Protein backbone atom coordinates (compact mmCIF):
# COMPACT_ATOMS: atom_id res chain seq x y z
CA MET A 1 14.70 2.40 2.74
CA LEU A 2 15.34 -0.80 0.78
CA TRP A 3 13.52 -2.76 3.47
CA ILE A 4 10.48 -0.47 3.08
CA LEU A 5 10.50 -1.06 -0.68
CA LEU A 6 10.67 -4.82 -0.22
CA ILE A 7 7.87 -4.79 2.35
CA GLY A 8 5.91 -2.50 0.02
CA PHE A 9 6.11 -5.12 -2.72
CA PHE A 10 4.53 -7.76 -0.50
CA VAL A 11 2.08 -5.30 1.04
CA GLY A 12 0.87 -4.25 -2.41
CA ALA A 13 0.19 -7.85 -3.35
CA LEU A 14 -1.60 -8.43 -0.05
CA ALA A 15 -3.69 -5.27 -0.42
CA LYS A 16 -4.70 -6.43 -3.89
CA PHE A 17 -5.84 -9.71 -2.36
CA PHE A 18 -8.09 -7.85 0.10
CA ILE A 19 -9.43 -5.45 -2.55
CA PRO A 20 -10.40 -7.64 -5.49
CA GLY A 21 -11.43 -6.43 -8.90
CA ARG A 22 -9.77 -5.28 -12.06
CA GLU A 23 -6.88 -2.99 -11.29
CA PRO A 24 -6.85 0.01 -13.66
CA GLY A 25 -3.05 0.20 -13.64
CA GLY A 26 -2.21 -3.49 -13.48
CA PHE A 27 0.20 -5.40 -11.28
CA ILE A 28 3.02 -2.85 -11.43
CA MET A 29 0.74 -0.01 -10.29
CA THR A 30 -0.55 -2.17 -7.44
CA ILE A 31 3.01 -2.80 -6.27
CA LEU A 32 3.88 0.90 -6.52
CA LEU A 33 0.79 1.77 -4.49
CA GLY A 34 1.86 -0.86 -1.95
CA ILE A 35 5.28 0.75 -1.68
CA GLY A 36 3.57 4.12 -1.21
CA GLY A 37 1.38 2.66 1.52
CA ALA A 38 4.37 1.15 3.29
CA MET A 39 6.26 4.43 3.14
CA LEU A 40 3.22 6.37 4.37
CA ALA A 41 2.71 3.94 7.26
CA ASN A 42 6.41 4.08 8.17
CA TRP A 43 6.34 7.88 8.23
CA ALA A 44 3.04 8.12 10.15
CA GLY A 45 3.94 5.45 12.70
CA GLY A 46 7.31 7.02 13.40
CA SER A 47 6.07 10.61 13.43
CA PHE A 48 3.23 9.95 15.84
CA GLY A 49 5.17 7.46 17.97
CA ILE A 50 2.60 4.72 17.37
CA TYR A 51 5.22 2.05 16.77
CA HIS A 52 8.92 1.68 16.15
CA GLN A 53 10.70 0.34 13.11
CA GLY A 54 10.54 -3.46 13.03
CA ASP A 55 7.36 -3.74 15.10
CA PRO A 56 4.67 -6.08 13.72
CA ALA A 57 2.23 -3.18 13.90
CA GLY A 58 4.25 -1.54 11.13
CA PHE A 59 3.42 -4.34 8.71
CA ILE A 60 -0.26 -4.17 9.61
CA ALA A 61 -0.23 -0.39 9.19
CA ALA A 62 1.50 -0.77 5.82
CA VAL A 63 -1.22 -3.16 4.62
CA LEU A 64 -3.95 -0.79 5.81
CA GLY A 65 -2.21 2.21 4.25
CA SER A 66 -1.86 0.37 0.95
CA MET A 67 -5.51 -0.63 1.01
CA VAL A 68 -6.53 3.00 1.54
CA ILE A 69 -4.28 4.20 -1.27
CA LEU A 70 -5.56 1.42 -3.54
CA LEU A 71 -9.19 2.33 -2.78
CA VAL A 72 -8.53 6.01 -3.49
CA TYR A 73 -6.83 5.04 -6.74
CA HIS A 74 -9.85 2.91 -7.72
CA LEU A 75 -12.23 5.77 -6.97
CA MET A 76 -10.15 8.32 -8.88
CA SER A 77 -9.72 6.13 -11.95
CA ASP A 78 -13.23 4.60 -11.93
CA GLY A 79 -14.23 6.19 -15.23
CA LYS A 80 -10.81 5.72 -16.83
CA LYS A 81 -10.59 1.98 -17.42
CA VAL A 82 -7.29 0.82 -18.85
CA ASN A 83 -7.21 -2.29 -21.01
């Protein structure tokens, strides 16, 4: 679980790199969304047997999951800009 949190930190930063623009929640929210994406990818990959823990595909899936979560967050908070 700690490994997923650590990967989530880096994945959140990487997802932010791929999805530029002002983040409504700031850096901390981006990292939390990255952790959520990593956890979602870990659960989905293991549940569906797509990859096993430690596979490089897990990191790629975590980045993609974080990007999706970040995009959804942007869409949901589009009218609620935070300074």
